[in-house]
Amino acid sequence: MNRCIPPGTCSGELRIPSSKSVVHRLLICAALGEKNVRIRLNGLSKDIRATADCLAALGAEIQMSESELFVRPSVRKESGNTVRILPAGESGSTLRFLVPIVGALKQSADFIMEGRLSKRPMAPFDRILREHGMNIRQDGDILHCNGDLQGGMFRLPGNVSSQYFTGLLLALPLLPEDSSLLVDGELESAAYVALTEDVLSLAGIRFDRVDSLRWHVYGGQTPKLPDHVSAEGDWSNAAFFLCAGALSERGVCVSGLNRDSAQGDRAILEVLRDFGAEVEEDGDRVRVKRRAARPLCVEAGEIPDLVPVLAVLCCGAEGVSEIRGAARLRLKESDRLHTTAALINSLGGRAEELPDGIRIFGCGTLRGGEADAFNDHRIAMSAAVASLLCDTPVTVCGAECVEKSYPAFWRDFESVQETGVKASKGEDGRSQR
């Protein structure tokens, strides 16, 4: 599906969908528990449906609506010849969280992978799981897993996906024995692991964070979430509208956000302040307006999901911006360093790929034109934000890929879109929309 976005600006207010990072974790803890759980949320995505479908294949009963997930747990340990078919879709979180859980439950499973998921690395995670009793073998788009995961000491380098650490922290409490999880080097994307710790604590799972590089996880545990839990708003998805606000004289307000969230992408607020935007926080609401537009120098190791939209934002400032520390983005739904640069260049801007980032030569505006989403939800949504800098329409090719994380994105974007609004002058004297 192609989507044509006319020139204009954004203003108004919207409520952001629930964090899929939080919902993944709540769903898994609920399905592994002993009592029914209702998870209140705002909106479903393809990634969340993938996790729910996999948990259902493992035995849980899950009823889904846009406002609630009702989970009746019946996932149990069992060994035998039954092979569970787990449709992971394109969700890296679903795959990496559930592979060690399959081993902890002594189940046999074939994960069905779509898109680029089969190309995304599992090493050294798969090797470590094999050392602890699992059998893992990839055959094209199918990952075969079985065995009996054994506890003990697990050691992973800190510069691999944080999803590996989350998968182990979710699985190790299910084992009869205690385990230790150690990090070699500095842990990247540590905020996602902190989010896992928050959900595990809510579920009554006992673990000791010995220091910044070690956990002691007690075995023989079952998650015990409250009967009713709520999933907070998604800072990663909110970032697209907050960046839109930073390019708008009237601004955009996003509600449903937790100011004390462990989500690392909450750092978008400080980046926007560095950019020169006006940022106001009030309870669960954040309003962002344009005041100035300054080039940025961003170290993105802890906020990799923000890189595409921040690169677009930098096009709105005159001067050279750099985003570094994001080499792992080459292994996402697309090579996001390449596709982000391609997006900007296709709309008349200038961006260069770096080995671990992007350099943007901003001039305050973009031309417009046709932008390929590369089947990557974050590239498609970044193209929408880029349209706010353009003088002619932007056609987003493959716009339906937003369903992976934010199916209602285009509806919400339209709700704050003002087409045909002419540029005005900001406090910095430069053209703004």
Protein backbone atom coordinates (compact mmCIF):
# COMPACT_ATOMS: atom_id res chain seq x y z
CA MET A 1 0.00 0.00 0.00
CA ASN A 2 1.28 3.44 -0.95
CA ARG A 3 0.28 6.50 1.03
CA CYS A 4 0.51 10.08 -0.21
CA ILE A 5 1.08 12.75 2.45
CA PRO A 6 0.48 16.36 1.38
CA PRO A 7 2.69 19.16 2.73
CA GLY A 8 1.60 20.60 6.04
CA THR A 9 2.24 20.58 9.75
CA CYS A 10 0.97 18.78 12.85
CA SER A 11 -0.83 20.03 15.92
CA GLY A 12 -3.25 18.64 18.48
CA GLU A 13 -3.30 15.78 20.97
CA LEU A 14 -3.43 12.00 20.80
CA ARG A 15 -3.18 9.05 23.17
CA ILE A 16 -0.29 6.75 22.35
CA PRO A 17 -0.70 2.94 22.17
CA SER A 18 0.64 0.70 24.91
CA SER A 19 4.30 -0.26 24.91
CA LYS A 20 4.75 -3.50 23.02
CA SER A 21 7.94 -4.08 25.04
CA VAL A 22 5.86 -4.07 28.23
CA VAL A 23 3.01 -6.13 26.75
CA HIS A 24 5.37 -8.88 25.49
CA ARG A 25 6.70 -9.32 29.02
CA LEU A 26 3.31 -9.15 30.74
CA LEU A 27 1.83 -11.67 28.31
CA ILE A 28 4.61 -14.18 28.90
CA CYS A 29 4.44 -13.87 32.69
CA ALA A 30 0.65 -14.22 32.58
CA ALA A 31 0.79 -17.33 30.37
CA LEU A 32 3.36 -18.96 32.66
CA GLY A 33 1.37 -18.23 35.81
CA GLU A 34 -1.31 -20.11 37.74
CA LYS A 35 -4.32 -17.79 37.57
CA ASN A 36 -6.22 -15.76 35.00
CA VAL A 37 -4.89 -12.29 34.24
CA ARG A 38 -6.46 -9.33 32.44
CA ILE A 39 -4.01 -6.96 30.77
CA ARG A 40 -5.49 -3.56 29.98
CA LEU A 41 -3.92 -1.89 26.97
CA ASN A 42 -4.45 0.57 24.16
CA GLY A 43 -4.08 -1.12 20.77
CA LEU A 44 -2.63 -4.37 19.42
CA SER A 45 0.20 -4.88 16.95
CA LYS A 46 1.41 -7.76 14.79
CA ASP A 47 4.35 -8.36 17.15
CA ILE A 48 2.06 -8.72 20.17
CA ARG A 49 -0.23 -11.03 18.23
CA ALA A 50 2.82 -13.14 17.36
CA THR A 51 3.72 -13.57 21.03
CA ALA A 52 0.10 -14.34 21.92
CA ASP A 53 -0.18 -16.91 19.11
CA CYS A 54 3.04 -18.62 20.21
CA LEU A 55 1.91 -18.78 23.83
CA ALA A 56 -1.43 -20.18 22.69
CA ALA A 57 0.44 -22.88 20.75
CA LEU A 58 2.22 -23.73 24.01
CA GLY A 59 -1.12 -24.19 25.76
CA ALA A 60 -2.31 -20.84 27.07
CA GLU A 61 -5.78 -19.50 26.22
CA ILE A 62 -5.65 -15.86 25.17
CA GLN A 63 -8.57 -13.64 24.21
CA MET A 64 -7.52 -10.46 22.42
CA SER A 65 -9.18 -7.12 21.85
CA GLU A 66 -7.87 -3.62 21.25
CA SER A 67 -8.37 -2.75 24.91
CA GLU A 68 -7.69 -5.98 26.80
CA LEU A 69 -5.87 -9.31 26.76
CA PHE A 70 -7.46 -12.03 28.86
CA VAL A 71 -4.97 -14.80 29.63
CA ARG A 72 -5.95 -18.19 31.03
CA PRO A 73 -2.64 -19.96 31.72
CA SER A 74 -2.28 -23.62 30.90
CA VAL A 75 1.35 -23.74 29.79
CA ARG A 76 2.99 -26.69 31.52
CA LYS A 77 6.24 -28.57 31.40
CA GLU A 78 6.07 -31.64 29.25
CA SER A 79 8.51 -33.82 27.38
CA GLY A 80 7.46 -35.96 24.44
CA ASN A 81 7.26 -36.12 20.71
CA THR A 82 4.70 -33.34 20.15
CA VAL A 83 6.23 -30.48 18.21
CA ARG A 84 4.57 -27.13 18.82
CA ILE A 85 4.35 -24.79 15.82
CA LEU A 86 5.11 -21.26 16.98
CA PRO A 87 4.42 -18.46 14.45
CA ALA A 88 6.94 -15.80 15.47
CA GLY A 89 6.23 -13.61 12.44
CA GLU A 90 8.87 -10.88 12.16
CA SER A 91 9.14 -10.35 15.92
CA GLY A 92 12.66 -10.63 17.29
CA SER A 93 11.33 -10.20 20.83
CA THR A 94 8.91 -13.10 20.43
CA LEU A 95 11.63 -15.42 19.15
CA ARG A 96 14.41 -14.50 21.56
CA PHE A 97 12.16 -14.40 24.63
CA LEU A 98 10.47 -17.73 23.95
CA VAL A 99 13.37 -19.93 22.78
CA PRO A 100 14.80 -20.41 26.32
CA ILE A 101 11.27 -20.73 27.71
CA VAL A 102 10.63 -23.67 25.36
CA GLY A 103 13.72 -25.31 26.88
CA ALA A 104 12.65 -24.53 30.44
CA LEU A 105 9.24 -26.11 29.70
CA LYS A 106 10.90 -29.21 28.14
CA GLN A 107 8.87 -28.69 25.00
CA SER A 108 9.73 -29.21 21.34
CA ALA A 109 8.90 -26.33 19.04
CA ASP A 110 9.39 -25.09 15.51
CA PHE A 111 9.47 -21.30 15.32
CA ILE A 112 8.20 -20.03 11.96
CA MET A 113 10.07 -16.86 11.00
CA GLU A 114 9.04 -14.25 8.44
CA GLY A 115 10.71 -11.30 6.73
CA ARG A 116 14.29 -10.69 7.81
CA LEU A 117 13.88 -12.47 11.14
CA SER A 118 15.65 -15.60 9.93
CA LYS A 119 18.64 -13.42 8.93
CA ARG A 120 18.93 -11.76 12.32
CA PRO A 121 21.62 -13.38 14.48
CA MET A 122 21.02 -15.81 17.33
CA ALA A 123 24.72 -16.22 18.15
CA PRO A 124 26.09 -16.55 20.77
CA PHE A 125 22.70 -17.12 22.40
CA ASP A 126 22.11 -20.42 20.63
CA ARG A 127 25.54 -21.75 21.61
CA ILE A 128 25.01 -20.92 25.28
CA LEU A 129 21.58 -22.56 25.28
CA ARG A 130 23.07 -25.69 23.70
CA GLU A 131 25.70 -25.78 26.44
CA HIS A 132 22.84 -25.83 28.95
CA GLY A 133 20.88 -28.72 27.45
CA MET A 134 18.94 -27.39 24.46
CA ASN A 135 19.02 -28.50 20.85
CA ILE A 136 18.69 -25.62 18.39
CA ARG A 137 18.90 -25.92 14.63
CA GLN A 138 17.88 -23.50 11.89
CA ASP A 139 16.52 -24.72 8.58
CA GLY A 140 15.75 -21.71 6.41
CA ASP A 141 12.82 -19.86 7.97
CA ILE A 142 12.26 -22.51 10.67
CA LEU A 143 14.12 -22.65 13.98
CA HIS A 144 13.86 -26.10 15.56
CA CYS A 145 14.18 -26.11 19.36
CA ASN A 146 13.92 -28.82 22.00
CA GLY A 147 15.74 -30.20 24.99
CA ASP A 148 15.81 -29.67 28.72
CA LEU A 149 17.29 -26.32 29.70
CA GLN A 150 19.54 -26.72 32.74
CA GLY A 151 20.38 -23.99 35.22
CA GLY A 152 23.83 -22.85 36.23
CA MET A 153 26.02 -20.00 35.08
CA PHE A 154 25.10 -18.15 31.90
CA ARG A 155 27.58 -15.65 30.49
CA LEU A 156 26.81 -13.34 27.56
CA PRO A 157 28.71 -10.42 26.04
CA GLY A 158 27.09 -7.08 26.82
CA ASN A 159 27.22 -5.83 23.24
CA VAL A 160 24.71 -8.39 21.93
CA SER A 161 20.95 -7.95 21.88
CA SER A 162 19.41 -7.16 25.26
CA GLN A 163 16.60 -9.53 24.21
CA TYR A 164 18.90 -12.47 25.03
CA PHE A 165 19.17 -11.29 28.64
CA THR A 166 15.41 -10.79 28.89
CA GLY A 167 14.76 -14.27 27.49
CA LEU A 168 16.97 -15.83 30.15
CA LEU A 169 15.55 -13.72 32.98
CA LEU A 170 12.06 -14.88 31.98
CA ALA A 171 13.06 -18.56 31.66
CA LEU A 172 15.51 -19.18 34.50
CA PRO A 173 12.99 -18.81 37.37
CA LEU A 174 11.08 -21.79 35.89
CA LEU A 175 14.02 -24.16 36.40
CA PRO A 176 14.29 -26.20 39.62
CA GLU A 177 17.78 -24.91 40.44
CA ASP A 178 19.20 -21.43 40.95
CA SER A 179 21.15 -19.77 38.16
CA SER A 180 23.54 -16.89 37.60
CA LEU A 181 23.55 -14.54 34.63
CA LEU A 182 26.73 -12.60 33.93
CA VAL A 183 27.54 -9.81 31.48
CA ASP A 184 30.91 -9.58 29.77
CA GLY A 185 31.63 -5.92 29.17
CA GLU A 186 29.14 -3.07 29.30
CA LEU A 187 25.48 -3.98 28.81
CA GLU A 188 23.96 -2.14 25.84
CA SER A 189 20.26 -1.21 25.77
CA ALA A 190 20.25 -1.77 29.52
CA ALA A 191 16.90 0.02 29.87
CA TYR A 192 15.12 -2.89 28.16
CA VAL A 193 16.55 -5.27 30.75
CA ALA A 194 15.44 -2.89 33.52
CA LEU A 195 11.95 -3.07 32.01
CA THR A 196 12.12 -6.86 32.32
CA GLU A 197 13.17 -6.56 35.95
CA ASP A 198 10.16 -4.31 36.64
CA VAL A 199 7.71 -6.82 35.15
CA LEU A 200 9.34 -9.77 36.95
CA SER A 201 9.12 -7.90 40.25
CA LEU A 202 5.44 -7.16 39.57
CA ALA A 203 5.00 -10.92 39.00
CA GLY A 204 6.65 -11.73 42.34
CA ILE A 205 9.77 -13.32 40.80
CA ARG A 206 12.75 -13.23 43.15
CA PHE A 207 16.19 -12.38 41.82
CA ASP A 208 19.19 -10.50 43.14
CA ARG A 209 20.94 -7.88 41.06
CA VAL A 210 24.37 -8.54 42.53
CA ASP A 211 25.89 -5.60 40.66
CA SER A 212 25.55 -3.98 37.26
CA LEU A 213 26.94 -7.11 35.56
CA ARG A 214 25.44 -10.02 37.51
CA TRP A 215 22.08 -11.49 38.49
CA HIS A 216 21.33 -14.38 40.81
CA VAL A 217 18.00 -15.93 39.80
CA TYR A 218 16.20 -18.27 42.21
CA GLY A 219 14.72 -21.41 40.69
CA GLY A 220 11.42 -23.15 41.31
CA GLN A 221 9.29 -20.05 40.77
CA THR A 222 6.02 -19.33 38.98
CA PRO A 223 5.04 -15.79 37.91
CA LYS A 224 2.14 -14.38 39.91
CA LEU A 225 0.90 -11.22 38.26
CA PRO A 226 -2.03 -9.32 39.81
CA ASP A 227 -5.47 -10.22 38.43
CA HIS A 228 -5.57 -6.91 36.55
CA VAL A 229 -2.55 -5.07 35.15
CA SER A 230 -2.20 -2.11 32.81
CA ALA A 231 0.41 -1.61 30.10
CA GLU A 232 1.89 1.88 29.97
CA GLY A 233 2.22 3.93 26.79
CA ASP A 234 5.01 3.37 24.28
CA TRP A 235 7.78 5.98 24.33
CA SER A 236 9.30 4.57 21.11
CA ASN A 237 6.11 5.23 19.15
CA ALA A 238 5.45 8.49 20.96
CA ALA A 239 8.81 9.75 19.67
CA PHE A 240 7.45 10.14 16.14
CA PHE A 241 4.75 12.55 17.28
CA LEU A 242 7.01 14.34 19.76
CA CYS A 243 9.51 14.94 16.94
CA ALA A 244 6.62 16.16 14.80
CA GLY A 245 5.81 18.60 17.58
CA ALA A 246 9.42 19.86 17.57
CA LEU A 247 8.86 20.86 13.92
CA SER A 248 5.52 22.57 14.63
CA GLU A 249 4.82 26.09 15.88
CA ARG A 250 1.60 25.00 17.61
CA GLY A 251 3.03 21.73 18.86
CA VAL A 252 1.78 18.22 19.53
CA CYS A 253 0.66 16.70 22.84
CA VAL A 254 0.95 12.97 23.56
CA SER A 255 -0.85 11.38 26.51
CA GLY A 256 -0.69 7.94 28.13
CA LEU A 257 3.02 8.13 28.97
CA ASN A 258 4.71 7.13 32.22
CA ARG A 259 7.26 9.76 33.21
CA ASP A 260 8.99 7.26 35.52
CA SER A 261 9.10 4.47 32.96
CA ALA A 262 12.11 2.19 32.61
CA GLN A 263 11.72 2.47 28.82
CA GLY A 264 14.99 3.84 27.50
CA ASP A 265 13.32 5.84 24.73
CA ARG A 266 12.00 8.23 27.37
CA ALA A 267 15.37 9.91 26.66
CA ILE A 268 13.72 11.46 23.59
CA LEU A 269 12.72 14.40 25.79
CA GLU A 270 16.30 15.37 26.56
CA VAL A 271 17.28 15.00 22.92
CA LEU A 272 14.43 17.30 21.90
CA ARG A 273 15.53 19.87 24.47
CA ASP A 274 19.05 19.71 23.02
CA PHE A 275 17.50 20.25 19.58
CA GLY A 276 15.96 23.46 20.91
CA ALA A 277 12.34 22.38 21.26
CA GLU A 278 10.06 23.46 24.08
CA VAL A 279 9.10 20.39 26.14
CA GLU A 280 6.35 20.49 28.78
CA GLU A 281 5.47 17.53 31.02
CA ASP A 282 2.20 17.31 32.94
CA GLY A 283 1.20 13.97 34.48
CA ASP A 284 0.93 11.43 31.68
CA ARG A 285 0.99 14.17 29.00
CA VAL A 286 3.95 15.62 27.11
CA ARG A 287 3.65 18.63 24.79
CA VAL A 288 6.44 19.57 22.40
CA LYS A 289 6.68 22.76 20.31
CA ARG A 290 9.33 24.18 18.05
CA ARG A 291 11.37 27.04 19.44
CA ALA A 292 14.76 26.56 17.80
CA ALA A 293 16.39 23.92 15.61
CA ARG A 294 19.99 23.04 16.41
CA PRO A 295 22.18 20.27 14.94
CA LEU A 296 22.59 17.25 17.19
CA CYS A 297 25.37 14.89 18.17
CA VAL A 298 23.70 11.76 19.54
CA GLU A 299 25.21 8.62 21.05
CA ALA A 300 22.47 6.11 20.24
CA GLY A 301 23.67 2.91 21.90
CA GLU A 302 20.86 3.07 24.49
CA ILE A 303 18.18 4.43 22.14
CA PRO A 304 18.65 2.61 18.82
CA ASP A 305 14.94 2.65 17.91
CA LEU A 306 14.99 6.45 17.84
CA VAL A 307 17.70 6.74 15.20
CA PRO A 308 15.50 6.96 12.04
CA VAL A 309 13.21 9.67 13.35
CA LEU A 310 16.07 11.61 14.97
CA ALA A 311 17.92 11.59 11.66
CA VAL A 312 14.83 13.06 10.00
CA LEU A 313 14.52 15.65 12.78
CA CYS A 314 18.12 16.73 12.13
CA CYS A 315 17.14 17.63 8.57
CA GLY A 316 15.11 20.45 10.14
CA ALA A 317 18.24 22.11 11.57
CA GLU A 318 20.83 23.95 9.50
CA GLY A 319 24.23 22.31 9.97
CA VAL A 320 25.83 18.91 10.32
CA SER A 321 24.43 16.37 12.80
CA GLU A 322 25.84 12.97 13.69
CA ILE A 323 24.25 9.89 15.24
CA ARG A 324 26.73 7.24 16.38
CA GLY A 325 26.85 3.97 18.33
CA ALA A 326 24.10 2.28 16.32
CA ALA A 327 25.87 -0.44 14.30
CA ARG A 328 23.30 -3.04 15.47
CA LEU A 329 20.65 -1.24 13.43
CA ARG A 330 22.00 -3.00 10.35
CA LEU A 331 20.36 -6.18 11.69
CA LYS A 332 16.81 -4.92 12.20
CA GLU A 333 13.76 -5.24 9.93
CA SER A 334 15.95 -3.44 7.41
CA ASP A 335 19.53 -2.21 7.53
CA ARG A 336 18.29 0.93 9.26
CA LEU A 337 21.48 2.92 8.80
CA HIS A 338 21.21 2.36 5.06
CA THR A 339 17.44 2.78 4.80
CA THR A 340 17.34 5.90 6.99
CA ALA A 341 19.98 7.56 4.83
CA ALA A 342 18.12 6.41 1.71
CA LEU A 343 14.88 7.90 3.05
CA ILE A 344 16.46 11.32 3.61
CA ASN A 345 18.29 11.32 0.28
CA SER A 346 15.16 10.27 -1.62
CA LEU A 347 13.31 13.32 -0.29
CA GLY A 348 15.99 15.81 -1.34
CA GLY A 349 18.10 15.85 1.81
CA ARG A 350 21.67 14.71 2.27
CA ALA A 351 22.73 11.93 4.62
CA GLU A 352 25.75 9.64 4.72
CA GLU A 353 26.04 6.21 6.28
CA LEU A 354 28.79 5.77 8.84
CA PRO A 355 30.04 2.37 10.05
CA ASP A 356 27.98 2.79 13.23
CA GLY A 357 25.70 5.69 12.46
CA ILE A 358 24.56 8.48 10.14
CA ARG A 359 25.79 11.96 9.29
CA ILE A 360 23.08 14.41 8.29
CA PHE A 361 23.73 17.67 6.42
CA GLY A 362 20.67 19.66 7.40
CA CYS A 363 19.36 22.70 5.58
CA GLY A 364 16.03 23.13 7.37
CA THR A 365 13.80 21.72 4.63
CA LEU A 366 13.30 18.73 2.34
CA ARG A 367 11.91 18.60 -1.18
CA GLY A 368 9.44 15.69 -1.05
CA GLY A 369 8.92 12.83 -3.45
CA GLU A 370 8.73 9.05 -3.16
CA ALA A 371 10.08 7.19 -0.13
CA ASP A 372 10.47 3.41 0.16
CA ALA A 373 9.57 2.06 3.62
CA PHE A 374 11.73 -1.04 3.00
CA ASN A 375 9.12 -3.11 4.89
CA ASP A 376 10.33 -1.41 8.08
CA HIS A 377 7.74 0.16 10.37
CA ARG A 378 10.15 2.74 11.80
CA ILE A 379 11.22 3.90 8.35
CA ALA A 380 7.59 4.33 7.27
CA MET A 381 6.72 6.37 10.36
CA SER A 382 9.89 8.45 9.97
CA ALA A 383 8.81 9.23 6.39
CA ALA A 384 5.59 10.69 7.80
CA VAL A 385 7.59 13.01 10.06
CA ALA A 386 9.85 13.92 7.13
CA SER A 387 6.78 15.10 5.18
CA LEU A 388 6.47 17.99 7.65
CA LEU A 389 9.70 19.43 6.25
CA CYS A 390 8.74 18.94 2.61
CA ASP A 391 7.46 21.45 0.04
CA THR A 392 5.77 18.80 -2.13
CA PRO A 393 3.85 15.61 -1.23
CA VAL A 394 5.58 12.50 0.08
CA THR A 395 4.49 9.09 -1.19
CA VAL A 396 5.37 6.31 1.28
CA CYS A 397 5.68 3.00 -0.57
CA GLY A 398 4.77 -0.01 1.55
CA ALA A 399 3.09 2.09 4.23
CA GLU A 400 1.19 -0.91 5.65
CA CYS A 401 4.34 -2.16 7.42
CA VAL A 402 3.45 0.07 10.41
CA GLU A 403 1.13 -2.75 11.51
CA LYS A 404 4.13 -4.50 13.01
CA SER A 405 4.21 -2.11 15.95
CA TYR A 406 1.55 0.59 15.46
CA PRO A 407 -1.44 -0.39 13.27
CA ALA A 408 -3.28 2.85 14.06
CA PHE A 409 -0.35 5.08 13.12
CA TRP A 410 -1.79 6.53 9.93
CA ARG A 411 -5.15 7.21 11.60
CA ASP A 412 -3.40 8.96 14.48
CA PHE A 413 -1.12 10.89 12.14
CA GLU A 414 -4.14 12.15 10.21
CA SER A 415 -5.78 13.23 13.49
CA VAL A 416 -3.01 15.79 14.13
CA GLN A 417 -2.19 16.62 10.51
CA GLU A 418 -2.85 20.11 9.14
CA THR A 419 -2.39 20.17 5.37
CA GLY A 420 -1.79 23.31 3.38
CA VAL A 421 -0.42 25.26 6.36
CA LYS A 422 2.29 27.67 5.23
CA ALA A 423 5.65 27.95 6.91
CA SER A 424 6.20 30.73 9.43
CA LYS A 425 9.23 32.08 11.27
CA GLY A 426 10.37 30.66 14.58
CA GLU A 427 12.35 32.32 17.35
CA ASP A 428 15.52 31.43 15.50
CA GLY A 429 14.32 33.38 12.48
CA ARG A 430 14.24 30.30 10.28
CA SER A 431 11.35 28.92 8.31
CA GLN A 432 9.14 26.56 10.27
CA ARG A 433 5.84 24.81 9.79
